Amino acid sequence: IEGVCEEKGHPLHNAEFCNVFQECFKGSFGAYSSLTNERLFSVKPVYIERWVYKYAAAYIETFDINRCQYSFDRYIGV
């Protein structure tokens, strides 16, 4: 996954993040979110590639978000 990363600041300054993180990962929220050096980042994906194996054949699935293109092609080796 390739993307553009943006720092959002300290986790405790983002109420939406705090609500979800505390609900789903209460222990981690308590242990890490109040640390001074913790930072919250968001990543906007621009390109995603993954390998898929079907019936012993390899395929490459790609999402090019900027170009609005999707492909699912069989991998042909050298």
N, C-alpha and C. Protein backbone atom coordinates (compact mmCIF):
# COMPACT_ATOMS: atom_id res chain seq x y z
N ILE A 1 0.85 -1.18 0.00
CA ILE A 1 0.00 0.00 0.00
C ILE A 1 0.89 1.23 0.00
N GLU A 2 0.66 2.10 -0.96
CA GLU A 2 1.36 3.39 -1.01
C GLU A 2 0.32 4.46 -0.71
N GLY A 3 0.74 5.50 0.01
CA GLY A 3 -0.21 6.53 0.34
C GLY A 3 0.45 7.80 0.82
N VAL A 4 -0.38 8.77 1.11
CA VAL A 4 0.06 10.06 1.63
C VAL A 4 -0.29 10.09 3.12
N CYS A 5 0.72 10.33 3.93
CA CYS A 5 0.55 10.31 5.38
C CYS A 5 0.48 11.74 5.91
N GLU A 6 -0.44 11.95 6.85
CA GLU A 6 -0.58 13.27 7.46
C GLU A 6 -0.62 13.10 8.98
N GLU A 7 0.20 13.87 9.66
CA GLU A 7 0.19 13.84 11.13
C GLU A 7 -1.02 14.63 11.62
N LYS A 8 -1.77 14.03 12.55
CA LYS A 8 -2.97 14.65 13.10
C LYS A 8 -2.76 15.23 14.49
N GLY A 9 -1.55 15.03 15.05
CA GLY A 9 -1.28 15.57 16.38
C GLY A 9 -1.32 14.49 17.44
N HIS A 10 -1.52 14.92 18.67
CA HIS A 10 -1.55 13.99 19.80
C HIS A 10 -2.89 13.25 19.81
N PRO A 11 -2.88 11.94 20.09
CA PRO A 11 -4.12 11.16 20.07
C PRO A 11 -5.23 11.73 20.96
N LEU A 12 -4.89 12.25 22.12
CA LEU A 12 -5.92 12.74 23.04
C LEU A 12 -6.59 14.02 22.55
N HIS A 13 -6.04 14.65 21.51
CA HIS A 13 -6.64 15.86 20.95
C HIS A 13 -7.64 15.54 19.85
N ASN A 14 -7.88 14.25 19.60
CA ASN A 14 -8.80 13.83 18.55
C ASN A 14 -9.91 12.98 19.19
N ALA A 15 -11.05 13.60 19.44
CA ALA A 15 -12.14 12.93 20.17
C ALA A 15 -12.66 11.70 19.45
N GLU A 16 -12.81 11.78 18.14
CA GLU A 16 -13.32 10.63 17.38
C GLU A 16 -12.39 9.43 17.53
N PHE A 17 -11.09 9.66 17.36
CA PHE A 17 -10.11 8.58 17.53
C PHE A 17 -10.18 8.01 18.94
N CYS A 18 -10.20 8.88 19.94
CA CYS A 18 -10.22 8.43 21.34
C CYS A 18 -11.42 7.55 21.63
N ASN A 19 -12.59 7.94 21.16
CA ASN A 19 -13.80 7.16 21.41
C ASN A 19 -13.69 5.75 20.84
N VAL A 20 -13.27 5.65 19.60
CA VAL A 20 -13.18 4.34 18.94
C VAL A 20 -12.04 3.51 19.51
N PHE A 21 -10.88 4.12 19.68
CA PHE A 21 -9.71 3.38 20.17
C PHE A 21 -9.94 2.87 21.59
N GLN A 22 -10.53 3.71 22.43
CA GLN A 22 -10.78 3.31 23.81
C GLN A 22 -11.82 2.18 23.87
N GLU A 23 -12.82 2.25 23.02
CA GLU A 23 -13.85 1.21 23.00
C GLU A 23 -13.30 -0.13 22.52
N CYS A 24 -12.46 -0.09 21.48
CA CYS A 24 -11.97 -1.34 20.87
C CYS A 24 -10.69 -1.87 21.51
N PHE A 25 -9.84 -0.99 22.01
CA PHE A 25 -8.53 -1.40 22.55
C PHE A 25 -8.27 -0.67 23.87
N LYS A 26 -9.10 -0.92 24.85
CA LYS A 26 -9.04 -0.17 26.10
C LYS A 26 -7.66 -0.23 26.76
N GLY A 27 -7.04 -1.40 26.80
CA GLY A 27 -5.72 -1.53 27.43
C GLY A 27 -4.65 -0.71 26.74
N SER A 28 -4.62 -0.78 25.41
CA SER A 28 -3.64 0.00 24.64
C SER A 28 -3.91 1.49 24.75
N PHE A 29 -5.19 1.85 24.74
CA PHE A 29 -5.53 3.27 24.90
C PHE A 29 -4.99 3.80 26.21
N GLY A 30 -5.21 3.07 27.29
CA GLY A 30 -4.74 3.50 28.60
C GLY A 30 -3.23 3.51 28.72
N ALA A 31 -2.57 2.57 28.07
CA ALA A 31 -1.11 2.45 28.20
C ALA A 31 -0.35 3.45 27.34
N TYR A 32 -0.89 3.81 26.18
CA TYR A 32 -0.08 4.58 25.23
C TYR A 32 -0.60 5.96 24.87
N SER A 33 -1.90 6.16 24.84
CA SER A 33 -2.45 7.41 24.29
C SER A 33 -2.05 8.66 25.05
N SER A 34 -1.76 8.54 26.34
CA SER A 34 -1.40 9.74 27.10
C SER A 34 0.10 10.02 27.11
N LEU A 35 0.90 9.16 26.49
CA LEU A 35 2.34 9.40 26.44
C LEU A 35 2.63 10.68 25.65
N THR A 36 3.56 11.46 26.12
CA THR A 36 3.87 12.75 25.51
C THR A 36 4.28 12.65 24.05
N ASN A 37 5.04 11.61 23.71
CA ASN A 37 5.58 11.52 22.35
C ASN A 37 4.67 10.77 21.38
N GLU A 38 3.48 10.35 21.80
CA GLU A 38 2.56 9.66 20.90
C GLU A 38 2.02 10.62 19.86
N ARG A 39 1.84 10.13 18.62
CA ARG A 39 1.28 10.92 17.54
C ARG A 39 0.26 10.08 16.79
N LEU A 40 -0.73 10.75 16.24
CA LEU A 40 -1.78 10.12 15.45
C LEU A 40 -1.56 10.50 14.00
N PHE A 41 -1.60 9.51 13.11
CA PHE A 41 -1.40 9.74 11.69
C PHE A 41 -2.59 9.18 10.91
N SER A 42 -2.90 9.81 9.80
CA SER A 42 -3.88 9.24 8.86
C SER A 42 -3.15 8.99 7.55
N VAL A 43 -3.54 7.94 6.86
CA VAL A 43 -2.93 7.61 5.58
C VAL A 43 -4.02 7.52 4.53
N LYS A 44 -3.87 8.30 3.47
CA LYS A 44 -4.80 8.25 2.34
C LYS A 44 -4.15 7.38 1.27
N PRO A 45 -4.69 6.19 1.00
CA PRO A 45 -4.06 5.32 0.02
C PRO A 45 -4.16 5.89 -1.39
N VAL A 46 -3.09 5.71 -2.18
CA VAL A 46 -3.09 6.13 -3.57
C VAL A 46 -2.85 4.95 -4.51
N TYR A 47 -2.24 3.87 -4.01
CA TYR A 47 -1.98 2.69 -4.84
C TYR A 47 -1.92 1.46 -3.93
N ILE A 48 -2.66 0.44 -4.31
CA ILE A 48 -2.68 -0.80 -3.54
C ILE A 48 -2.43 -1.96 -4.49
N GLU A 49 -1.52 -2.84 -4.10
CA GLU A 49 -1.24 -4.03 -4.91
C GLU A 49 -1.20 -5.24 -3.99
N ARG A 50 -1.83 -6.32 -4.43
CA ARG A 50 -1.75 -7.55 -3.65
C ARG A 50 -1.70 -8.75 -4.58
N TRP A 51 -1.07 -9.79 -4.08
CA TRP A 51 -0.97 -11.04 -4.81
C TRP A 51 -2.10 -11.95 -4.35
N VAL A 52 -2.74 -12.58 -5.32
CA VAL A 52 -3.84 -13.50 -5.05
C VAL A 52 -3.50 -14.82 -5.72
N TYR A 53 -3.74 -15.91 -5.01
CA TYR A 53 -3.46 -17.24 -5.56
C TYR A 53 -4.76 -18.01 -5.69
N LYS A 54 -5.07 -18.41 -6.94
CA LYS A 54 -6.27 -19.19 -7.22
C LYS A 54 -5.87 -20.42 -8.02
N TYR A 55 -6.24 -21.58 -7.52
CA TYR A 55 -5.98 -22.83 -8.23
C TYR A 55 -4.53 -22.94 -8.67
N ALA A 56 -3.61 -22.64 -7.79
CA ALA A 56 -2.16 -22.72 -8.00
C ALA A 56 -1.65 -21.71 -9.03
N ALA A 57 -2.44 -20.73 -9.39
CA ALA A 57 -2.00 -19.68 -10.31
C ALA A 57 -1.91 -18.36 -9.53
N ALA A 58 -0.93 -17.55 -9.89
CA ALA A 58 -0.73 -16.26 -9.22
C ALA A 58 -1.36 -15.13 -10.03
N TYR A 59 -2.00 -14.21 -9.33
CA TYR A 59 -2.60 -13.03 -9.94
C TYR A 59 -2.15 -11.80 -9.15
N ILE A 60 -2.11 -10.68 -9.85
CA ILE A 60 -1.79 -9.41 -9.21
C ILE A 60 -3.02 -8.52 -9.31
N GLU A 61 -3.52 -8.12 -8.16
CA GLU A 61 -4.67 -7.24 -8.10
C GLU A 61 -4.17 -5.85 -7.73
N THR A 62 -4.55 -4.84 -8.51
CA THR A 62 -4.09 -3.48 -8.23
C THR A 62 -5.27 -2.50 -8.22
N PHE A 63 -5.15 -1.53 -7.33
CA PHE A 63 -6.08 -0.42 -7.25
C PHE A 63 -5.24 0.85 -7.37
N ASP A 64 -5.41 1.59 -8.45
CA ASP A 64 -4.74 2.88 -8.60
C ASP A 64 -5.79 3.94 -8.33
N ILE A 65 -5.80 4.43 -7.12
CA ILE A 65 -6.86 5.33 -6.68
C ILE A 65 -6.83 6.65 -7.44
N ASN A 66 -5.65 7.22 -7.67
CA ASN A 66 -5.55 8.51 -8.36
C ASN A 66 -6.07 8.43 -9.79
N ARG A 67 -5.86 7.30 -10.46
CA ARG A 67 -6.30 7.13 -11.85
C ARG A 67 -7.66 6.44 -11.95
N CYS A 68 -8.22 6.08 -10.82
CA CYS A 68 -9.51 5.36 -10.78
C CYS A 68 -9.45 4.10 -11.64
N GLN A 69 -8.36 3.33 -11.48
CA GLN A 69 -8.17 2.11 -12.27
C GLN A 69 -8.02 0.91 -11.35
N TYR A 70 -8.62 -0.18 -11.80
CA TYR A 70 -8.53 -1.46 -11.09
C TYR A 70 -8.11 -2.51 -12.10
N SER A 71 -7.25 -3.43 -11.69
CA SER A 71 -6.88 -4.55 -12.57
C SER A 71 -6.68 -5.81 -11.74
N PHE A 72 -6.92 -6.93 -12.39
CA PHE A 72 -6.73 -8.24 -11.80
C PHE A 72 -6.17 -9.11 -12.91
N ASP A 73 -4.84 -9.24 -12.94
CA ASP A 73 -4.16 -9.91 -14.05
C ASP A 73 -3.38 -11.13 -13.57
N ARG A 74 -3.39 -12.16 -14.39
CA ARG A 74 -2.59 -13.34 -14.08
C ARG A 74 -1.12 -13.00 -14.21
N TYR A 75 -0.33 -13.45 -13.25
CA TYR A 75 1.10 -13.20 -13.27
C TYR A 75 1.76 -14.21 -14.20
N ILE A 76 2.49 -13.70 -15.16
CA ILE A 76 3.26 -14.53 -16.08
C ILE A 76 4.73 -14.26 -15.78
N GLY A 77 5.42 -15.25 -15.22
CA GLY A 77 6.83 -15.08 -14.83
C GLY A 77 7.74 -14.96 -16.03
N VAL A 78 9.01 -14.80 -15.74
CA VAL A 78 10.03 -14.62 -16.78
C VAL A 78 10.23 -15.88 -17.56
